[in-house]
Amino acid sequence: MTDCAEGHNVEIVRLGMPPIPQTGPIRLLMIDDDVKLCRLIRDYLKPIGFEVSFAHSGHDGLAIALEPGVQAVILDVMLPGLAGVEVLRRIRSA
């Protein structure tokens, strides 16, 4: 358990997966149209080694997700422009 922003605790659990060797921050992309939620997630994850970037539409998120260096994505299902399920489908097929 790690202390994070505003005295809250966050526990990162990777079920059934081997650890990923890291030499720097984990580059996470959050695709969500809720700007406040994106900032909250960033505030929780930054102190424990994540570099968090945001996209607030499906089209923008897809473009960024396909760039080299993104290691993980948090994806909302209901997004403006391109639904999250379609974004996921296109990421998987890339």
C-alpha atoms as a PDB file:
ATOM      1  CA  MET A   1       0.000   0.000   0.000  1.00  0.00           C
ATOM      2  CA  THR A   2       1.409   3.411  -0.972  1.00  0.00           C
ATOM      3  CA  ASP A   3       0.465   6.817   0.441  1.00  0.00           C
ATOM      4  CA  CYS A   4      -0.675   9.166  -2.319  1.00  0.00           C
ATOM      5  CA  ALA A   5      -2.295  12.544  -2.864  1.00  0.00           C
ATOM      6  CA  GLU A   6      -4.464  13.920  -0.073  1.00  0.00           C
ATOM      7  CA  GLY A   7      -3.567  11.094   2.328  1.00  0.00           C
ATOM      8  CA  HIS A   8      -5.342   8.372   0.336  1.00  0.00           C
ATOM      9  CA  ASN A   9      -3.839   4.962  -0.319  1.00  0.00           C
ATOM     10  CA  VAL A  10      -3.504   3.158  -3.630  1.00  0.00           C
ATOM     11  CA  GLU A  11      -2.530  -0.456  -4.122  1.00  0.00           C
ATOM     12  CA  ILE A  12      -1.388  -1.583  -7.559  1.00  0.00           C
ATOM     13  CA  VAL A  13      -2.136  -5.244  -8.204  1.00  0.00           C
ATOM     14  CA  ARG A  14      -1.130  -7.145 -11.333  1.00  0.00           C
ATOM     15  CA  LEU A  15      -3.058 -10.402 -11.125  1.00  0.00           C
ATOM     16  CA  GLY A  16      -1.543 -13.353 -12.920  1.00  0.00           C
ATOM     17  CA  MET A  17       1.113 -11.317 -14.710  1.00  0.00           C
ATOM     18  CA  PRO A  18       4.882 -11.321 -14.236  1.00  0.00           C
ATOM     19  CA  PRO A  19       6.503  -8.075 -13.082  1.00  0.00           C
ATOM     20  CA  ILE A  20       7.570  -5.646 -15.800  1.00  0.00           C
ATOM     21  CA  PRO A  21      11.205  -4.553 -15.468  1.00  0.00           C
ATOM     22  CA  GLN A  22      11.240  -0.755 -15.209  1.00  0.00           C
ATOM     23  CA  THR A  23      14.079   1.675 -15.688  1.00  0.00           C
ATOM     24  CA  GLY A  24      11.883   4.770 -15.407  1.00  0.00           C
ATOM     25  CA  PRO A  25       8.287   5.860 -14.898  1.00  0.00           C
ATOM     26  CA  ILE A  26       5.460   3.764 -16.335  1.00  0.00           C
ATOM     27  CA  ARG A  27       3.915   5.746 -19.205  1.00  0.00           C
ATOM     28  CA  LEU A  28       0.139   5.618 -18.824  1.00  0.00           C
ATOM     29  CA  LEU A  29      -2.458   7.144 -21.139  1.00  0.00           C
ATOM     30  CA  MET A  30      -5.890   7.878 -19.723  1.00  0.00           C
ATOM     31  CA  ILE A  31      -8.615   8.282 -22.352  1.00  0.00           C
ATOM     32  CA  ASP A  32     -11.621   9.844 -20.644  1.00  0.00           C
ATOM     33  CA  ASP A  33     -13.759  12.926 -21.255  1.00  0.00           C
ATOM     34  CA  ASP A  34     -14.013  13.632 -17.499  1.00  0.00           C
ATOM     35  CA  VAL A  35     -11.181  16.131 -16.939  1.00  0.00           C
ATOM     36  CA  LYS A  36     -11.543  16.120 -13.138  1.00  0.00           C
ATOM     37  CA  LEU A  37     -11.316  12.333 -13.001  1.00  0.00           C
ATOM     38  CA  CYS A  38      -8.185  12.397 -15.170  1.00  0.00           C
ATOM     39  CA  ARG A  39      -6.518  14.840 -12.798  1.00  0.00           C
ATOM     40  CA  LEU A  40      -7.532  12.761  -9.775  1.00  0.00           C
ATOM     41  CA  ILE A  41      -6.078   9.580 -11.282  1.00  0.00           C
ATOM     42  CA  ARG A  42      -2.870  11.453 -12.162  1.00  0.00           C
ATOM     43  CA  ASP A  43      -2.607  12.756  -8.583  1.00  0.00           C
ATOM     44  CA  TYR A  44      -2.884   9.189  -7.249  1.00  0.00           C
ATOM     45  CA  LEU A  45      -0.516   7.532  -9.705  1.00  0.00           C
ATOM     46  CA  LYS A  46       2.261  10.095 -10.175  1.00  0.00           C
ATOM     47  CA  PRO A  47       3.730   9.643  -6.653  1.00  0.00           C
ATOM     48  CA  ILE A  48       4.053   5.895  -7.199  1.00  0.00           C
ATOM     49  CA  GLY A  49       5.975   6.049 -10.458  1.00  0.00           C
ATOM     50  CA  PHE A  50       3.524   6.694 -13.289  1.00  0.00           C
ATOM     51  CA  GLU A  51       3.834   9.349 -15.963  1.00  0.00           C
ATOM     52  CA  VAL A  52       0.199  10.061 -16.862  1.00  0.00           C
ATOM     53  CA  SER A  53      -0.998  11.759 -20.036  1.00  0.00           C
ATOM     54  CA  PHE A  54      -4.590  12.378 -21.124  1.00  0.00           C
ATOM     55  CA  ALA A  55      -6.838  12.398 -24.149  1.00  0.00           C
ATOM     56  CA  HIS A  56     -10.429  13.557 -23.857  1.00  0.00           C
ATOM     57  CA  SER A  57     -11.904  12.066 -27.039  1.00  0.00           C
ATOM     58  CA  GLY A  58     -11.758   8.673 -28.687  1.00  0.00           C
ATOM     59  CA  HIS A  59      -9.999   9.950 -31.814  1.00  0.00           C
ATOM     60  CA  ASP A  60      -7.292  11.808 -29.864  1.00  0.00           C
ATOM     61  CA  GLY A  61      -6.815   8.870 -27.498  1.00  0.00           C
ATOM     62  CA  LEU A  62      -6.398   6.405 -30.339  1.00  0.00           C
ATOM     63  CA  ALA A  63      -3.765   8.560 -32.024  1.00  0.00           C
ATOM     64  CA  ILE A  64      -1.746   8.877 -28.797  1.00  0.00           C
ATOM     65  CA  ALA A  65      -2.185   5.210 -27.826  1.00  0.00           C
ATOM     66  CA  LEU A  66      -0.613   4.129 -31.109  1.00  0.00           C
ATOM     67  CA  GLU A  67       2.504   6.249 -30.526  1.00  0.00           C
ATOM     68  CA  PRO A  68       5.612   4.445 -29.299  1.00  0.00           C
ATOM     69  CA  GLY A  69       6.224   4.514 -25.551  1.00  0.00           C
ATOM     70  CA  VAL A  70       2.690   4.193 -24.162  1.00  0.00           C
ATOM     71  CA  GLN A  71       2.828   1.227 -21.785  1.00  0.00           C
ATOM     72  CA  ALA A  72      -0.696   1.177 -20.347  1.00  0.00           C
ATOM     73  CA  VAL A  73      -4.103   2.683 -21.107  1.00  0.00           C
ATOM     74  CA  ILE A  74      -7.097   3.450 -18.904  1.00  0.00           C
ATOM     75  CA  LEU A  75     -10.032   3.695 -21.292  1.00  0.00           C
ATOM     76  CA  ASP A  76     -13.558   5.004 -20.772  1.00  0.00           C
ATOM     77  CA  VAL A  77     -16.268   3.202 -22.747  1.00  0.00           C
ATOM     78  CA  MET A  78     -18.455   6.241 -23.468  1.00  0.00           C
ATOM     79  CA  LEU A  79     -16.352   8.853 -25.273  1.00  0.00           C
ATOM     80  CA  PRO A  80     -17.159  11.678 -27.679  1.00  0.00           C
ATOM     81  CA  GLY A  81     -16.290  11.060 -31.314  1.00  0.00           C
ATOM     82  CA  LEU A  82     -15.224   7.425 -31.148  1.00  0.00           C
ATOM     83  CA  ALA A  83     -16.576   5.002 -28.526  1.00  0.00           C
ATOM     84  CA  GLY A  84     -14.116   3.369 -26.141  1.00  0.00           C
ATOM     85  CA  VAL A  85     -14.946  -0.126 -27.387  1.00  0.00           C
ATOM     86  CA  GLU A  86     -13.992   0.927 -30.929  1.00  0.00           C
ATOM     87  CA  VAL A  87     -10.794   2.571 -29.653  1.00  0.00           C
ATOM     88  CA  LEU A  88      -9.877  -0.707 -27.948  1.00  0.00           C
ATOM     89  CA  ARG A  89     -10.647  -2.711 -31.075  1.00  0.00           C
ATOM     90  CA  ARG A  90      -8.381  -0.479 -33.165  1.00  0.00           C
ATOM     91  CA  ILE A  91      -5.556  -0.551 -30.610  1.00  0.00           C
ATOM     92  CA  ARG A  92      -5.690  -4.358 -30.542  1.00  0.00           C
ATOM     93  CA  SER A  93      -5.651  -4.600 -34.332  1.00  0.00           C
ATOM     94  CA  ALA A  94      -2.685  -2.227 -34.723  1.00  0.00           C
END
